[in-house]
Amino acid sequence: MRRSNSFCTHAGGAVIRAEPGMVTSEFAMVTPIALMGTFLLVSSIVQSFHVLNAANDARDIARQLAVNGTSSIQSEVEARGGRVDVSMEGSSLTVRVTEPVRGLFHSLGVEVSEEAHIAMEPGHGRNP
């Protein structure tokens, strides 16, 4: 049985002969780029999750401090390696949560930081 020669016609009308191994070399060039793009996409989604988590923690800590004067979430954030900064200016309470990001961005030293502001009700909570 005789193997037929395969030819490809390009848009310009030129006919070229397909060489054995062309697909393998193209696959070897495209695969690392596609995998890197997928990895960066997944890492960005994970970082977005950490930003939302920090924002939720800051909001919940501010709410608990305004109502009770203490926060159980504050110790949880600090146990995970994060920092919680609380400041009071007049009747406004500001909570800033800074946490290290895990995953690809952890090795780069990336941190996420979110703030929450809440107005203190007269007679509720204590000064942090």
Protein backbone atom coordinates (compact mmCIF):
# COMPACT_ATOMS: atom_id res chain seq x y z
CA MET A 1 0.00 0.00 0.00
CA ARG A 2 1.42 3.33 -1.01
CA ARG A 3 1.25 6.35 1.28
CA SER A 4 -0.16 9.43 -0.41
CA ASN A 5 1.50 12.78 -0.15
CA SER A 6 -0.57 15.30 1.70
CA PHE A 7 -0.81 18.85 0.48
CA CYS A 8 -2.29 21.97 2.06
CA THR A 9 -3.67 24.91 0.13
CA HIS A 10 -3.27 28.28 1.83
CA ALA A 11 -5.43 31.37 1.37
CA GLY A 12 -2.92 32.85 -1.06
CA GLY A 13 -3.41 29.86 -3.34
CA ALA A 14 0.04 28.43 -2.71
CA VAL A 15 0.23 24.69 -2.36
CA ILE A 16 2.77 23.38 0.12
CA ARG A 17 3.53 19.88 1.21
CA ALA A 18 2.72 19.08 4.86
CA GLU A 19 5.81 17.75 6.56
CA PRO A 20 5.65 14.90 9.08
CA GLY A 21 5.92 16.22 12.62
CA MET A 22 4.44 19.67 11.89
CA VAL A 23 1.54 19.06 14.24
CA THR A 24 3.88 17.87 16.98
CA SER A 25 6.02 21.01 16.85
CA GLU A 26 2.98 23.30 16.74
CA PHE A 27 1.49 21.43 19.68
CA ALA A 28 4.77 21.78 21.59
CA MET A 29 4.74 25.56 21.04
CA VAL A 30 1.06 26.17 21.83
CA THR A 31 0.58 23.84 24.82
CA PRO A 32 2.83 25.71 27.32
CA ILE A 33 1.19 29.02 26.41
CA ALA A 34 -2.31 27.55 26.84
CA LEU A 35 -1.38 25.94 30.16
CA MET A 36 0.19 29.16 31.45
CA GLY A 37 -2.91 31.12 30.46
CA THR A 38 -5.15 28.62 32.22
CA PHE A 39 -2.96 28.70 35.33
CA LEU A 40 -3.00 32.51 35.45
CA LEU A 41 -6.78 32.55 34.98
CA VAL A 42 -7.32 30.12 37.86
CA SER A 43 -4.85 32.04 40.06
CA SER A 44 -6.68 35.30 39.33
CA ILE A 45 -9.98 33.72 40.32
CA VAL A 46 -8.40 32.50 43.57
CA GLN A 47 -7.04 36.00 44.27
CA SER A 48 -10.49 37.48 43.66
CA PHE A 49 -11.86 35.06 46.24
CA HIS A 50 -9.25 36.32 48.76
CA VAL A 51 -10.22 39.94 48.09
CA LEU A 52 -13.88 39.15 48.70
CA ASN A 53 -12.99 37.19 51.83
CA ALA A 54 -10.97 40.13 53.22
CA ALA A 55 -13.82 42.54 52.46
CA ASN A 56 -16.33 40.29 54.22
CA ASP A 57 -14.04 39.89 57.23
CA ALA A 58 -13.51 43.66 57.50
CA ARG A 59 -17.25 44.32 57.32
CA ASP A 60 -18.09 41.61 59.86
CA ILE A 61 -15.38 42.76 62.30
CA ALA A 62 -16.59 46.37 62.06
CA ARG A 63 -20.18 45.28 62.69
CA GLN A 64 -19.23 43.15 65.71
CA LEU A 65 -17.04 45.90 67.20
CA ALA A 66 -19.81 48.47 66.75
CA VAL A 67 -22.39 46.29 68.47
CA ASN A 68 -20.43 44.27 71.05
CA GLY A 69 -17.09 46.03 71.37
CA THR A 70 -15.29 42.73 70.64
CA SER A 71 -14.92 40.52 67.59
CA SER A 72 -14.35 36.79 67.32
CA ILE A 73 -13.48 37.09 63.63
CA GLN A 74 -10.54 39.37 64.42
CA SER A 75 -8.68 36.54 66.17
CA GLU A 76 -9.48 34.16 63.27
CA VAL A 77 -7.97 36.58 60.74
CA GLU A 78 -4.85 37.02 62.87
CA ALA A 79 -4.53 33.22 63.25
CA ARG A 80 -4.47 32.92 59.43
CA GLY A 81 -1.53 35.36 59.29
CA GLY A 82 -3.53 38.50 58.56
CA ARG A 83 -3.48 41.90 60.24
CA VAL A 84 -6.46 43.83 61.56
CA ASP A 85 -6.10 47.57 62.08
CA VAL A 86 -8.91 49.33 63.93
CA SER A 87 -9.18 53.10 64.17
CA MET A 88 -11.83 55.38 65.58
CA GLU A 89 -12.36 58.92 64.37
CA GLY A 90 -15.25 60.67 66.02
CA SER A 91 -18.21 58.33 65.77
CA SER A 92 -16.80 56.49 62.73
CA LEU A 93 -15.08 53.13 63.13
CA THR A 94 -12.67 51.99 60.40
CA VAL A 95 -11.43 48.40 60.16
CA ARG A 96 -8.67 47.45 57.72
CA VAL A 97 -7.98 43.75 57.09
CA THR A 98 -4.75 42.78 55.33
CA GLU A 99 -4.15 39.13 54.48
CA PRO A 100 -1.50 37.29 52.48
CA VAL A 101 -2.75 35.58 49.33
CA ARG A 102 -2.15 31.87 48.98
CA GLY A 103 -1.35 30.14 45.70
CA LEU A 104 0.79 31.57 42.90
CA PHE A 105 0.68 35.10 44.26
CA HIS A 106 1.84 33.98 47.73
CA SER A 107 5.33 33.32 46.42
CA LEU A 108 5.37 36.88 45.06
CA GLY A 109 4.47 38.33 48.48
CA VAL A 110 1.10 39.69 47.36
CA GLU A 111 -1.33 40.80 50.07
CA VAL A 112 -4.93 41.88 49.80
CA SER A 113 -6.26 44.69 51.93
CA GLU A 114 -9.85 45.84 52.42
CA GLU A 115 -11.47 48.49 54.61
CA ALA A 116 -14.87 48.76 56.21
CA HIS A 117 -16.35 51.92 57.73
CA ILE A 118 -19.24 51.98 60.14
CA ALA A 119 -20.90 54.67 62.22
CA MET A 120 -21.00 53.93 65.93
CA GLU A 121 -24.34 54.31 67.62
CA PRO A 122 -24.30 56.39 70.79
CA GLY A 123 -23.97 54.14 73.83
CA HIS A 124 -23.23 50.96 71.84
CA GLY A 125 -19.95 49.11 71.80
CA ARG A 126 -16.74 50.25 73.38
CA ASN A 127 -13.75 52.04 72.03
CA PRO A 128 -11.50 49.41 70.41
